[in-house]
Amino acid sequence: MRKLRRVFKPLLGRSRSSSFRRLVQNALEHLETLKKLHHGRYVEDRKDTARLLHEGLPKLALSRCEQMIRHQNLMDAYGMMEGYLNLLRERMHLLLAPGRECPKELEEAVSSVVFAASRCEDFPELQEIKSVLSSRFGTEFAARAVELRNNNTVNHSIMLKLSTRKPNLESKMHLLRVIASENGFTLQLNDKGEPISCTATRQRKRGATSTKRTYRTRSSSRK
């Protein structure tokens, strides 16, 4: 029995499973804060992108799209991490089951959380969870997830969302076209598919609005 307790000590701590539950809860609260932070930055970057298009600076607008994609990827990754952490909390009895093998139905969740922690070094609660799970299931299991070795069970989407690779031109241009369309602009591209200029496509509508305002002004003056 003492030996079994030593095995579970890294996971349970002094207050047994409640310590891990609190750790997961703290991580979930931190995730919510991070999602709001990146959502706010995404919204601001989207406004900046529209402003740059209005100012006739599509190349700078394209660089904002890269930042937006990064923010969106992080928000998506945080959403997946939230789901995995909730699953681990709900299936605590499986984490506490005798043996050092990770339960099959939790392999993806455990591996993905360990991998995410290795890509989010400024997330202390996640680092603690990674340490706990690594101690529980072994350093080899953790290394397979962190280093994406053969037979790892890390979710492929979370790998992509937390990738350090820069977004490609195609994904940036897709987002820029969407924003340009929403704001009434058409992009002109060079041979490489990069934006070189943009033109407004709502001139007639704006002219109609201007005429309407002039009519109201004259009408008001007559009164």
Protein backbone atom coordinates (compact mmCIF):
# COMPACT_ATOMS: atom_id res chain seq x y z
CA MET A 1 0.00 0.00 0.00
CA ARG A 2 2.85 2.40 0.83
CA LYS A 3 4.47 1.68 -2.52
CA LEU A 4 1.19 2.45 -4.29
CA ARG A 5 0.94 5.77 -2.46
CA ARG A 6 4.45 6.71 -3.57
CA VAL A 7 3.46 6.07 -7.17
CA PHE A 8 0.40 8.31 -6.83
CA LYS A 9 2.08 11.01 -4.76
CA PRO A 10 3.12 13.20 -7.74
CA LEU A 11 -0.49 13.12 -8.96
CA LEU A 12 -2.37 13.41 -5.69
CA GLY A 13 -0.15 15.53 -3.46
CA ARG A 14 -1.17 16.07 0.16
CA SER A 15 -4.87 16.40 -0.45
CA ARG A 16 -5.12 13.55 -2.90
CA SER A 17 -7.13 14.02 -6.06
CA SER A 18 -8.49 17.39 -4.89
CA SER A 19 -5.06 18.97 -5.47
CA PHE A 20 -5.10 17.90 -9.10
CA ARG A 21 -8.68 19.09 -9.49
CA ARG A 22 -7.73 22.50 -8.15
CA LEU A 23 -4.75 22.61 -10.48
CA VAL A 24 -6.98 21.82 -13.46
CA GLN A 25 -9.52 24.42 -12.33
CA ASN A 26 -6.80 27.08 -12.09
CA ALA A 27 -5.60 26.15 -15.57
CA LEU A 28 -9.14 26.43 -16.95
CA GLU A 29 -9.54 29.90 -15.43
CA HIS A 30 -6.21 30.96 -16.92
CA LEU A 31 -7.31 29.60 -20.30
CA GLU A 32 -10.45 31.73 -20.16
CA THR A 33 -8.37 34.82 -19.47
CA LEU A 34 -6.01 34.01 -22.35
CA LYS A 35 -8.89 33.45 -24.76
CA LYS A 36 -10.35 36.85 -23.92
CA LEU A 37 -6.93 38.47 -24.29
CA HIS A 38 -6.29 37.05 -27.75
CA HIS A 39 -9.86 37.67 -28.85
CA GLY A 40 -9.43 41.33 -27.95
CA ARG A 41 -6.19 41.52 -29.90
CA TYR A 42 -7.80 39.76 -32.85
CA VAL A 43 -10.63 42.30 -32.93
CA GLU A 44 -8.21 45.23 -32.75
CA ASP A 45 -6.03 43.78 -35.53
CA ARG A 46 -9.10 43.30 -37.70
CA LYS A 47 -10.04 46.95 -37.22
CA ASP A 48 -6.47 47.98 -38.04
CA THR A 49 -6.56 45.87 -41.19
CA ALA A 50 -9.72 47.60 -42.39
CA ARG A 51 -8.21 50.99 -41.59
CA LEU A 52 -5.05 50.18 -43.55
CA LEU A 53 -7.13 49.19 -46.55
CA HIS A 54 -8.98 52.51 -46.34
CA GLU A 55 -5.59 54.25 -46.30
CA GLY A 56 -4.47 52.32 -49.38
CA LEU A 57 -1.86 50.22 -47.57
CA PRO A 58 -2.72 46.60 -48.46
CA LYS A 59 0.80 45.27 -47.79
CA LEU A 60 0.66 46.45 -44.19
CA ALA A 61 -2.87 45.08 -43.96
CA LEU A 62 -1.51 41.70 -45.04
CA SER A 63 0.98 41.71 -42.15
CA ARG A 64 -1.91 42.30 -39.74
CA CYS A 65 -3.58 39.19 -41.15
CA GLU A 66 -0.58 37.14 -40.04
CA GLN A 67 -1.05 38.38 -36.48
CA MET A 68 -4.77 37.65 -36.62
CA ILE A 69 -4.17 34.09 -37.77
CA ARG A 70 -1.80 33.56 -34.85
CA HIS A 71 -4.39 34.89 -32.40
CA GLN A 72 -7.09 32.71 -33.93
CA ASN A 73 -4.87 29.63 -33.81
CA LEU A 74 -4.16 30.22 -30.14
CA MET A 75 -7.84 30.68 -29.35
CA ASP A 76 -8.63 27.43 -31.17
CA ALA A 77 -5.84 25.61 -29.31
CA TYR A 78 -7.04 26.97 -25.98
CA GLY A 79 -10.52 25.70 -26.76
CA MET A 80 -9.20 22.20 -27.41
CA MET A 81 -7.04 22.30 -24.28
CA GLU A 82 -10.10 23.31 -22.29
CA GLY A 83 -11.96 20.25 -23.54
CA TYR A 84 -9.07 17.91 -22.70
CA LEU A 85 -8.64 19.31 -19.19
CA ASN A 86 -12.35 18.92 -18.49
CA LEU A 87 -12.13 15.33 -19.70
CA LEU A 88 -9.20 14.59 -17.38
CA ARG A 89 -11.11 16.08 -14.48
CA GLU A 90 -14.20 14.03 -15.27
CA ARG A 91 -12.25 10.79 -15.70
CA MET A 92 -10.14 11.21 -12.58
CA HIS A 93 -10.89 7.61 -11.55
CA LEU A 94 -9.07 6.38 -14.65
CA LEU A 95 -6.03 8.50 -13.89
CA LEU A 96 -5.94 6.96 -10.41
CA ALA A 97 -6.29 3.38 -11.61
CA PRO A 98 -3.38 1.07 -10.63
CA GLY A 99 -0.55 0.75 -13.12
CA ARG A 100 1.73 3.12 -15.00
CA GLU A 101 0.10 2.83 -18.42
CA CYS A 102 -2.03 5.71 -19.59
CA PRO A 103 -5.64 4.56 -20.12
CA LYS A 104 -6.37 4.20 -23.83
CA GLU A 105 -9.36 6.50 -23.76
CA LEU A 106 -7.27 9.26 -22.18
CA GLU A 107 -4.12 8.90 -24.29
CA GLU A 108 -5.06 11.67 -26.71
CA ALA A 109 -6.09 14.05 -23.93
CA VAL A 110 -2.98 13.42 -21.82
CA SER A 111 -0.59 13.54 -24.79
CA SER A 112 -2.16 16.70 -26.20
CA VAL A 113 -2.04 18.51 -22.85
CA VAL A 114 1.62 17.52 -22.35
CA PHE A 115 2.44 18.66 -25.89
CA ALA A 116 0.56 21.96 -25.43
CA ALA A 117 2.43 22.64 -22.21
CA SER A 118 5.73 22.31 -24.06
CA ARG A 119 4.56 25.02 -26.50
CA CYS A 120 3.11 27.33 -23.81
CA GLU A 121 6.05 27.95 -21.52
CA ASP A 122 4.47 31.07 -20.00
CA PHE A 123 1.52 29.04 -18.69
CA PRO A 124 2.58 27.92 -15.17
CA GLU A 125 -0.55 25.89 -14.35
CA LEU A 126 -0.15 23.88 -17.54
CA GLN A 127 3.52 23.29 -16.74
CA GLU A 128 2.50 21.83 -13.38
CA ILE A 129 -0.06 19.58 -15.00
CA LYS A 130 2.55 18.40 -17.48
CA SER A 131 4.91 17.60 -14.61
CA VAL A 132 2.21 15.65 -12.80
CA LEU A 133 1.23 13.62 -15.87
CA SER A 134 4.86 12.97 -16.81
CA SER A 135 5.54 11.65 -13.31
CA ARG A 136 2.39 9.55 -13.43
CA PHE A 137 2.92 7.91 -16.83
CA GLY A 138 6.68 8.17 -17.29
CA THR A 139 9.16 10.44 -19.03
CA GLU A 140 9.15 8.25 -22.16
CA PHE A 141 5.42 8.78 -22.62
CA ALA A 142 5.85 12.53 -22.15
CA ALA A 143 8.84 12.74 -24.50
CA ARG A 144 6.91 10.93 -27.23
CA ALA A 145 4.25 13.63 -27.05
CA VAL A 146 6.56 16.64 -26.69
CA GLU A 147 8.90 15.56 -29.49
CA LEU A 148 6.09 14.17 -31.65
CA ARG A 149 7.81 10.82 -31.98
CA ASN A 150 6.33 7.88 -33.85
CA ASN A 151 3.11 6.53 -32.36
CA ASN A 152 2.39 9.70 -30.43
CA THR A 153 -1.30 10.31 -29.77
CA VAL A 154 -1.27 14.12 -29.87
CA ASN A 155 -4.27 15.61 -31.64
CA HIS A 156 -3.19 16.67 -35.13
CA SER A 157 -5.18 19.91 -35.04
CA ILE A 158 -3.56 21.09 -31.84
CA MET A 159 -0.16 20.38 -33.42
CA LEU A 160 -1.02 22.72 -36.29
CA LYS A 161 -2.57 25.41 -34.10
CA LEU A 162 0.52 25.59 -31.86
CA SER A 163 3.01 25.31 -34.70
CA THR A 164 5.80 27.89 -34.77
CA ARG A 165 5.64 28.09 -38.56
CA LYS A 166 4.49 31.36 -40.06
CA PRO A 167 1.09 31.36 -41.79
CA ASN A 168 1.48 30.92 -45.54
CA LEU A 169 0.52 33.54 -48.11
CA GLU A 170 -2.60 31.66 -49.17
CA SER A 171 -4.11 31.71 -45.67
CA LYS A 172 -3.22 35.38 -45.14
CA MET A 173 -4.66 36.38 -48.51
CA HIS A 174 -7.88 34.48 -47.83
CA LEU A 175 -8.41 36.45 -44.63
CA LEU A 176 -7.45 39.74 -46.29
CA ARG A 177 -9.94 39.15 -49.11
CA VAL A 178 -12.70 38.50 -46.57
CA ILE A 179 -11.95 41.74 -44.72
CA ALA A 180 -11.58 43.68 -47.97
CA SER A 181 -14.95 42.39 -49.18
CA GLU A 182 -16.63 43.29 -45.88
CA ASN A 183 -15.31 46.84 -46.18
CA GLY A 184 -16.06 47.32 -49.87
CA PHE A 185 -12.59 46.96 -51.38
CA THR A 186 -11.18 44.98 -54.29
CA LEU A 187 -7.55 43.92 -54.13
CA GLN A 188 -5.12 44.12 -57.04
CA LEU A 189 -2.36 41.49 -56.89
CA ASN A 190 1.08 41.10 -58.44
CA ASP A 191 2.42 37.96 -60.14
CA LYS A 192 3.28 36.45 -56.75
CA GLY A 193 -0.27 36.81 -55.54
CA GLU A 194 0.61 39.64 -53.15
CA PRO A 195 -1.55 42.78 -52.82
CA ILE A 196 -0.18 45.91 -54.46
CA SER A 197 -3.22 48.18 -54.27
CA CYS A 198 -6.90 48.22 -53.44
CA THR A 199 -9.89 50.10 -54.81
CA ALA A 200 -13.25 50.92 -53.27
CA THR A 201 -16.28 49.18 -54.76
CA ARG A 202 -19.00 51.17 -52.98
CA GLN A 203 -18.60 54.53 -54.66
CA ARG A 204 -22.12 54.54 -56.07
CA LYS A 205 -23.62 53.74 -52.70
CA ARG A 206 -21.58 56.46 -51.05
CA GLY A 207 -22.62 58.91 -53.79
CA ALA A 208 -26.26 58.06 -53.22
CA THR A 209 -25.85 58.65 -49.51
CA SER A 210 -24.17 62.01 -50.21
CA THR A 211 -27.04 63.06 -52.51
CA LYS A 212 -29.57 62.07 -49.87
CA ARG A 213 -27.84 64.15 -47.23
CA THR A 214 -27.73 67.18 -49.62
CA TYR A 215 -31.44 66.86 -50.28
CA ARG A 216 -32.19 66.83 -46.56
CA THR A 217 -30.05 69.92 -46.03
CA ARG A 218 -31.90 71.87 -48.74
CA SER A 219 -35.20 70.73 -47.41
CA SER A 220 -34.25 71.86 -43.92
CA SER A 221 -33.14 75.27 -45.22
CA ARG A 222 -36.50 75.82 -46.92
CA LYS A 223 -38.22 75.26 -43.65
